N, C-alpha and C. Protein backbone atom coordinates (compact mmCIF):
# COMPACT_ATOMS: atom_id res chain seq x y z
N MET A 1 156.20 -55.09 304.17
CA MET A 1 157.30 -55.67 302.93
C MET A 1 157.55 -57.19 302.75
N THR A 2 156.79 -57.86 301.74
CA THR A 2 157.05 -59.24 301.44
C THR A 2 158.70 -59.36 300.88
N PRO A 3 159.18 -60.62 301.76
CA PRO A 3 160.63 -60.79 301.06
C PRO A 3 160.47 -61.16 299.70
N SER A 4 161.62 -60.99 299.03
CA SER A 4 161.52 -61.15 297.36
C SER A 4 161.72 -62.81 297.41
N PRO A 5 161.34 -63.47 296.57
CA PRO A 5 161.04 -65.08 296.63
C PRO A 5 162.73 -65.31 296.12
N ALA A 6 163.00 -66.73 296.43
CA ALA A 6 164.07 -67.58 296.33
C ALA A 6 164.64 -67.46 295.00
N PRO A 7 165.72 -67.34 294.56
CA PRO A 7 165.72 -67.43 292.87
C PRO A 7 165.36 -68.65 292.51
N GLY A 8 165.02 -69.14 291.13
CA GLY A 8 164.88 -70.66 290.74
C GLY A 8 166.24 -70.91 290.34
N PRO A 9 166.55 -72.35 290.16
CA PRO A 9 167.57 -73.06 289.84
C PRO A 9 168.54 -72.43 288.82
N VAL A 10 167.98 -72.00 287.48
CA VAL A 10 168.71 -71.43 286.51
C VAL A 10 169.17 -70.05 286.90
N ASP A 11 168.24 -69.44 287.68
CA ASP A 11 168.62 -68.07 288.08
C ASP A 11 169.77 -67.90 289.28
N ALA A 12 169.68 -69.09 290.14
CA ALA A 12 170.73 -69.12 290.91
C ALA A 12 172.17 -69.73 290.27
N LEU A 13 172.05 -70.36 289.24
CA LEU A 13 173.01 -71.08 288.22
C LEU A 13 173.66 -69.68 287.62
N GLN A 14 172.91 -68.99 287.28
CA GLN A 14 173.51 -67.81 286.72
C GLN A 14 174.29 -66.45 287.37
N GLU A 15 173.91 -66.45 288.55
CA GLU A 15 174.23 -65.83 289.56
C GLU A 15 175.48 -66.14 290.41
N ALA A 16 175.75 -67.43 290.34
CA ALA A 16 176.95 -68.06 290.83
C ALA A 16 177.90 -68.13 289.35
N LEU A 17 177.59 -68.14 288.21
CA LEU A 17 178.31 -68.03 287.00
C LEU A 17 178.95 -66.55 287.15
N ASP A 18 177.84 -65.62 287.30
CA ASP A 18 178.37 -64.10 287.42
C ASP A 18 179.44 -63.79 288.50
N ARG A 19 179.43 -64.51 289.34
CA ARG A 19 180.52 -64.29 290.65
C ARG A 19 181.77 -65.24 290.07
N GLU A 20 181.47 -66.31 289.53
CA GLU A 20 182.75 -66.73 288.93
C GLU A 20 183.28 -65.99 287.62
N HIS A 21 182.66 -65.16 286.76
CA HIS A 21 183.01 -64.42 285.87
C HIS A 21 183.81 -63.48 286.81
N ALA A 22 183.28 -62.64 287.69
CA ALA A 22 183.78 -61.54 288.32
C ALA A 22 185.23 -61.93 289.17
N ALA A 23 185.20 -63.41 289.69
CA ALA A 23 186.44 -63.90 290.29
C ALA A 23 187.49 -63.90 289.26
N VAL A 24 187.42 -64.44 288.18
CA VAL A 24 188.36 -64.51 286.97
C VAL A 24 189.07 -63.27 286.76
N TYR A 25 188.40 -62.14 286.68
CA TYR A 25 188.55 -60.74 286.31
C TYR A 25 189.37 -60.36 287.55
N GLY A 26 188.70 -60.41 288.74
CA GLY A 26 189.48 -60.07 289.52
C GLY A 26 190.81 -60.43 290.18
N TYR A 27 190.62 -61.68 290.27
CA TYR A 27 192.21 -62.37 290.28
C TYR A 27 193.09 -62.09 289.19
N ALA A 28 192.75 -61.83 288.07
CA ALA A 28 194.07 -61.41 287.15
C ALA A 28 194.45 -59.98 287.79
N VAL A 29 193.48 -59.19 288.31
CA VAL A 29 193.80 -57.86 288.70
C VAL A 29 195.02 -58.12 289.92
N ALA A 30 194.28 -58.89 290.79
CA ALA A 30 195.24 -59.19 292.28
C ALA A 30 196.58 -59.81 291.73
N GLY A 31 196.43 -60.51 290.96
CA GLY A 31 197.78 -61.16 290.53
C GLY A 31 198.77 -60.30 290.19
N ALA A 32 198.17 -59.27 289.24
CA ALA A 32 199.22 -58.29 288.70
C ALA A 32 200.04 -57.57 290.11
N HIS A 33 199.45 -57.51 291.31
CA HIS A 33 199.99 -56.60 292.12
C HIS A 33 200.78 -57.59 293.21
N LEU A 34 200.78 -58.67 293.21
CA LEU A 34 201.43 -60.09 293.95
C LEU A 34 202.66 -60.39 293.16
N ARG A 35 203.71 -61.11 294.29
CA ARG A 35 205.03 -61.50 293.79
C ARG A 35 205.04 -62.62 294.24
N GLY A 36 205.94 -63.59 293.84
CA GLY A 36 206.59 -64.86 294.57
C GLY A 36 205.41 -65.81 294.56
N ARG A 37 205.29 -66.65 295.88
CA ARG A 37 204.36 -67.37 296.15
C ARG A 37 203.06 -66.73 295.99
N GLN A 38 202.82 -65.62 296.68
CA GLN A 38 201.42 -65.07 296.65
C GLN A 38 200.71 -64.92 295.00
N ARG A 39 201.76 -64.41 294.25
CA ARG A 39 200.95 -64.61 292.75
C ARG A 39 201.08 -65.79 292.28
N LYS A 40 201.54 -66.67 292.55
CA LYS A 40 201.57 -67.98 292.21
C LYS A 40 200.27 -68.74 292.54
N ARG A 41 199.93 -68.30 293.94
CA ARG A 41 198.38 -68.82 294.55
C ARG A 41 197.47 -68.25 293.90
N ALA A 42 197.64 -67.13 293.66
CA ALA A 42 196.51 -66.11 292.79
C ALA A 42 196.23 -66.69 291.37
N ALA A 43 197.20 -67.12 290.78
CA ALA A 43 197.18 -67.91 289.38
C ALA A 43 196.61 -68.99 289.51
N GLU A 44 196.62 -69.82 290.62
CA GLU A 44 195.98 -71.25 290.91
C GLU A 44 194.54 -71.04 291.22
N HIS A 45 194.37 -70.29 291.93
CA HIS A 45 193.36 -69.87 292.12
C HIS A 45 192.28 -69.24 291.07
N LEU A 46 192.81 -68.23 290.25
CA LEU A 46 192.36 -67.93 289.20
C LEU A 46 191.83 -69.44 288.06
N ASN A 47 192.79 -70.11 288.18
CA ASN A 47 192.42 -71.52 287.51
C ASN A 47 191.34 -72.27 288.14
N ALA A 48 191.26 -71.97 289.23
CA ALA A 48 190.22 -72.91 289.91
C ALA A 48 188.89 -72.18 289.79
N HIS A 49 188.76 -70.74 289.72
CA HIS A 49 187.74 -70.05 289.31
C HIS A 49 187.21 -70.58 287.65
N ARG A 50 188.22 -70.43 287.02
CA ARG A 50 188.05 -70.72 285.68
C ARG A 50 187.27 -72.06 285.47
N ALA A 51 187.96 -72.98 286.09
CA ALA A 51 187.17 -74.57 285.93
C ALA A 51 185.96 -74.56 286.49
N ALA A 52 185.63 -73.86 287.89
CA ALA A 52 184.13 -73.70 288.35
C ALA A 52 183.29 -73.00 287.36
N ARG A 53 183.96 -72.11 286.58
CA ARG A 53 183.07 -71.48 285.66
C ARG A 53 182.56 -72.26 284.56
N ASP A 54 183.57 -72.69 283.85
CA ASP A 54 183.12 -73.80 283.02
C ASP A 54 182.29 -74.86 283.30
N ARG A 55 182.45 -75.64 284.46
CA ARG A 55 181.19 -76.52 285.34
C ARG A 55 180.00 -75.68 285.07
N LEU A 56 179.78 -74.69 285.73
CA LEU A 56 178.40 -74.13 285.62
C LEU A 56 177.90 -73.61 284.34
N GLU A 57 178.69 -73.46 283.53
CA GLU A 57 178.21 -73.19 282.14
C GLU A 57 177.78 -74.54 281.21
N ALA A 58 178.36 -75.66 281.79
CA ALA A 58 177.72 -76.95 281.10
C ALA A 58 176.53 -77.09 282.02
N VAL A 59 176.35 -76.92 283.32
CA VAL A 59 175.08 -77.09 284.07
C VAL A 59 174.01 -76.52 283.59
N ILE A 60 174.31 -75.12 283.02
CA ILE A 60 173.46 -74.24 282.67
C ILE A 60 172.78 -74.72 281.59
N ARG A 61 173.98 -75.15 280.51
CA ARG A 61 173.46 -75.74 279.02
C ARG A 61 172.51 -76.94 279.11
N ALA A 62 172.91 -77.92 280.18
CA ALA A 62 172.42 -79.04 280.30
C ALA A 62 170.93 -78.90 280.79
N LYS A 63 170.67 -77.63 281.42
CA LYS A 63 169.05 -77.11 281.63
C LYS A 63 168.19 -76.59 280.68
N ASP A 64 169.04 -76.58 279.20
CA ASP A 64 168.67 -75.89 278.32
C ASP A 64 168.41 -74.40 278.40
N ALA A 65 169.49 -73.79 278.83
CA ALA A 65 169.59 -72.57 279.00
C ALA A 65 170.76 -71.94 278.64
N THR A 66 170.85 -70.45 278.52
CA THR A 66 172.12 -70.27 277.86
C THR A 66 173.09 -69.44 279.11
N PRO A 67 174.01 -69.67 279.24
CA PRO A 67 175.10 -69.08 280.28
C PRO A 67 174.81 -67.53 279.78
N ARG A 68 175.17 -66.64 280.83
CA ARG A 68 175.60 -65.32 280.65
C ARG A 68 176.77 -65.29 280.35
N PRO A 69 177.17 -64.41 279.37
CA PRO A 69 178.95 -64.28 279.16
C PRO A 69 179.42 -63.31 280.19
N ALA A 70 180.64 -63.22 280.43
CA ALA A 70 181.20 -62.15 281.13
C ALA A 70 181.05 -61.06 280.59
N ALA A 71 181.29 -60.18 281.35
CA ALA A 71 181.34 -58.58 281.05
C ALA A 71 182.65 -58.31 280.64
N ALA A 72 182.86 -57.20 280.14
CA ALA A 72 184.28 -56.78 279.51
C ALA A 72 185.06 -56.47 280.60
N SER A 73 184.53 -55.72 281.88
CA SER A 73 185.48 -55.67 282.97
C SER A 73 184.11 -55.47 284.00
N TYR A 74 184.53 -55.56 285.31
CA TYR A 74 183.71 -55.56 286.72
C TYR A 74 184.41 -54.38 287.63
N ARG A 75 183.63 -54.14 288.23
CA ARG A 75 183.47 -53.05 289.08
C ARG A 75 184.16 -53.26 290.44
N LEU A 76 185.40 -52.95 290.87
CA LEU A 76 186.01 -53.45 291.85
C LEU A 76 185.64 -52.85 293.07
N PRO A 77 185.71 -53.50 294.50
CA PRO A 77 184.81 -52.84 295.49
C PRO A 77 185.94 -51.96 295.82
N PHE A 78 187.23 -51.71 295.61
CA PHE A 78 187.98 -50.73 296.32
C PHE A 78 188.93 -50.81 295.13
N PRO A 79 189.92 -49.48 295.02
CA PRO A 79 191.24 -49.34 294.04
C PRO A 79 192.39 -50.70 294.63
N VAL A 80 192.53 -51.28 293.74
CA VAL A 80 194.10 -52.24 294.08
C VAL A 80 194.95 -51.52 293.90
N THR A 81 195.92 -51.29 295.16
CA THR A 81 197.20 -50.40 294.81
C THR A 81 198.38 -51.10 295.15
N GLY A 82 198.21 -52.03 295.76
CA GLY A 82 199.52 -52.84 295.90
C GLY A 82 199.09 -54.16 296.47
N PRO A 83 200.22 -55.11 297.13
CA PRO A 83 200.27 -56.17 297.67
C PRO A 83 198.98 -56.71 298.52
N ALA A 84 198.81 -55.65 299.97
CA ALA A 84 197.71 -55.64 300.80
C ALA A 84 196.28 -55.63 300.24
N LYS A 85 196.14 -54.42 299.29
CA LYS A 85 195.08 -54.87 298.67
C LYS A 85 194.32 -55.73 297.76
N ALA A 86 195.44 -56.21 297.19
CA ALA A 86 195.13 -57.63 296.21
C ALA A 86 194.96 -58.61 296.93
N ARG A 87 195.73 -59.06 298.18
CA ARG A 87 195.07 -59.88 299.10
C ARG A 87 193.51 -59.60 299.16
N ASP A 88 193.07 -58.39 299.74
CA ASP A 88 191.86 -58.09 300.37
C ASP A 88 191.06 -58.43 299.28
N LEU A 89 191.29 -57.91 297.96
CA LEU A 89 190.40 -58.14 296.92
C LEU A 89 190.08 -59.77 296.83
N ALA A 90 191.05 -60.53 296.93
CA ALA A 90 191.08 -62.23 296.83
C ALA A 90 190.47 -62.34 297.84
N ALA A 91 190.13 -62.14 299.18
CA ALA A 91 189.40 -62.56 300.02
C ALA A 91 188.25 -62.15 300.01
N ASP A 92 187.76 -60.83 299.25
CA ASP A 92 186.42 -60.22 299.07
C ASP A 92 185.90 -61.36 297.88
N LEU A 93 186.69 -61.64 296.70
CA LEU A 93 186.14 -62.40 295.84
C LEU A 93 185.39 -63.85 296.19
N GLU A 94 186.14 -64.23 297.15
CA GLU A 94 185.93 -65.75 297.61
C GLU A 94 184.63 -65.21 298.56
N ARG A 95 184.85 -64.15 299.20
CA ARG A 95 183.43 -64.01 300.01
C ARG A 95 182.13 -64.08 299.03
N ALA A 96 182.15 -63.34 297.90
CA ALA A 96 180.99 -62.79 297.07
C ALA A 96 181.00 -64.49 296.29
N THR A 97 181.77 -65.16 295.98
CA THR A 97 181.52 -66.22 295.18
C THR A 97 180.68 -67.33 296.31
N LEU A 98 181.24 -67.48 297.61
CA LEU A 98 180.57 -68.15 298.73
C LEU A 98 178.94 -67.92 298.67
N GLY A 99 179.02 -66.54 298.68
CA GLY A 99 177.63 -66.13 298.79
C GLY A 99 176.84 -66.61 297.75
N ALA A 100 177.25 -66.67 296.86
CA ALA A 100 176.31 -67.19 295.46
C ALA A 100 176.09 -68.51 295.40
N TYR A 101 177.34 -69.24 295.89
CA TYR A 101 176.80 -70.87 296.32
C TYR A 101 175.91 -71.09 297.03
N SER A 102 175.62 -70.29 298.09
CA SER A 102 175.02 -70.43 299.22
C SER A 102 173.65 -70.28 298.68
N GLN A 103 173.06 -69.34 297.82
CA GLN A 103 171.91 -69.21 297.08
C GLN A 103 171.67 -70.46 296.41
N LEU A 104 172.60 -70.79 295.68
CA LEU A 104 172.60 -71.94 294.67
C LEU A 104 171.88 -73.34 295.93
N VAL A 105 172.70 -73.34 296.88
CA VAL A 105 172.29 -74.41 297.26
C VAL A 105 170.77 -74.80 297.84
N ALA A 106 170.30 -73.33 298.40
CA ALA A 106 168.97 -73.22 298.51
C ALA A 106 167.93 -73.28 297.43
N ALA A 107 168.49 -73.18 296.05
CA ALA A 107 167.65 -73.21 294.73
C ALA A 107 167.83 -74.39 294.35
N ALA A 108 168.73 -75.51 294.31
CA ALA A 108 168.84 -76.37 293.11
C ALA A 108 168.42 -77.99 293.92
N GLY A 109 168.71 -78.73 293.10
CA GLY A 109 168.58 -80.30 293.37
C GLY A 109 169.98 -80.85 294.09
N ARG A 110 169.58 -81.93 294.39
CA ARG A 110 170.79 -82.89 295.33
C ARG A 110 172.30 -82.39 294.26
N ARG A 111 172.08 -82.90 293.13
CA ARG A 111 173.52 -83.03 292.50
C ARG A 111 173.93 -81.63 292.32
N ILE A 112 173.28 -80.56 291.95
CA ILE A 112 173.94 -79.11 292.06
C ILE A 112 174.08 -78.97 293.40
N ARG A 113 173.40 -79.23 294.29
CA ARG A 113 173.81 -78.57 295.93
C ARG A 113 175.01 -79.35 295.97
N ARG A 114 175.49 -80.85 295.97
CA ARG A 114 176.48 -81.35 296.09
C ARG A 114 177.70 -80.34 295.86
N LEU A 115 177.78 -80.05 294.25
CA LEU A 115 178.57 -79.24 293.45
C LEU A 115 178.88 -77.79 294.31
N SER A 116 177.66 -77.32 294.61
CA SER A 116 177.56 -76.01 295.36
C SER A 116 178.40 -76.25 296.56
N ILE A 117 177.81 -77.12 297.32
CA ILE A 117 178.60 -77.20 299.06
C ILE A 117 180.22 -77.70 298.86
N LEU A 118 180.53 -78.25 297.55
CA LEU A 118 182.22 -78.32 297.68
C LEU A 118 182.70 -77.04 297.14
N ALA A 119 182.19 -76.16 296.32
CA ALA A 119 182.51 -74.83 295.97
C ALA A 119 182.43 -74.02 296.88
N MET A 120 181.59 -73.93 297.82
CA MET A 120 181.51 -73.05 298.96
C MET A 120 182.86 -73.47 299.83
N GLN A 121 183.18 -74.82 299.89
CA GLN A 121 184.40 -75.38 300.79
C GLN A 121 185.55 -74.96 300.31
N GLU A 122 185.59 -75.02 298.92
CA GLU A 122 186.87 -74.34 298.33
C GLU A 122 187.14 -72.72 298.44
N SER A 123 185.74 -72.05 298.34
CA SER A 123 186.20 -70.43 298.59
C SER A 123 186.40 -70.30 299.81
N ALA A 124 185.73 -71.07 300.77
CA ALA A 124 186.06 -70.72 302.31
C ALA A 124 187.56 -70.98 302.58
N VAL A 125 188.23 -72.07 302.01
CA VAL A 125 189.54 -72.08 302.47
C VAL A 125 190.40 -71.17 301.54
N ARG A 126 190.05 -70.60 300.27
CA ARG A 126 190.48 -69.55 299.85
C ARG A 126 190.65 -68.41 300.68
N GLN A 127 189.26 -67.84 301.17
CA GLN A 127 189.08 -66.99 301.65
C GLN A 127 190.25 -66.84 303.14
N ALA A 128 190.11 -68.00 303.71
CA ALA A 128 190.91 -68.03 304.55
C ALA A 128 192.26 -67.74 304.66
N GLU A 129 192.56 -68.36 303.27
CA GLU A 129 193.98 -68.17 303.03
C GLU A 129 194.42 -66.70 302.54
N TRP A 130 193.77 -66.06 302.15
CA TRP A 130 194.12 -64.41 301.92
C TRP A 130 193.66 -63.63 303.16
N SER A 131 192.75 -64.00 303.79
CA SER A 131 192.46 -62.90 305.04
C SER A 131 192.66 -63.49 306.47
N GLY A 132 193.11 -65.11 306.37
CA GLY A 132 193.46 -65.39 307.64
C GLY A 132 191.88 -65.78 308.62
N ALA A 133 190.82 -65.60 307.90
CA ALA A 133 189.51 -65.82 308.68
C ALA A 133 188.66 -66.06 307.61
N VAL A 134 187.59 -66.95 308.19
CA VAL A 134 186.28 -67.21 307.38
C VAL A 134 185.02 -66.67 308.15
N ASP A 135 184.41 -66.02 307.28
CA ASP A 135 183.27 -65.31 308.17
C ASP A 135 182.13 -66.55 309.12
N PRO A 136 181.83 -66.03 309.88
CA PRO A 136 180.94 -66.99 310.97
C PRO A 136 180.13 -67.72 310.02
N LEU A 137 179.34 -67.30 309.35
CA LEU A 137 178.40 -67.96 308.66
C LEU A 137 178.60 -68.05 307.21
N PRO A 138 179.88 -68.53 306.60
CA PRO A 138 180.15 -68.49 305.37
C PRO A 138 179.24 -68.28 304.40
N GLY A 139 179.32 -67.31 303.47
CA GLY A 139 178.51 -67.11 302.39
C GLY A 139 177.23 -66.05 302.84
N LEU A 140 176.77 -65.74 304.28
CA LEU A 140 175.75 -65.01 304.37
C LEU A 140 176.84 -63.85 305.28
N ARG A 141 176.36 -62.73 305.14
CA ARG A 141 176.75 -61.59 305.47
C ARG A 141 176.27 -61.42 306.62
N THR A 142 177.15 -61.20 307.92
CA THR A 142 176.51 -61.07 309.15
C THR A 142 176.98 -59.52 309.86
């Protein structure tokens, strides 16, 4: 069986954009189950993902492509029933976003690679904030 080819730059950008759309949706869900400082942090992270989404859309347009729109809703990996599950969801969103950016690093040129690496760092910090740890190889499931 031959491995699937690595995605091209626009495909990888679109995948990262999809993950950012999902993160925006997911943080809205998570924030509804949090209170106090954690709710404030979820709102800040939601805004960070909105900004990242907007950056990716601009890069995709600059490549003469049309950014994929957000879905009306996203399937969550598990039911969010309270603060503990909301924190788990936030960590999972960051893990997924980090993975998409790791693919973008492999597919893109220097400028987009830099943007991707910075986004990976930000997601890793947020993942650690929510879960207390970061995967041994951030962005890659081990």
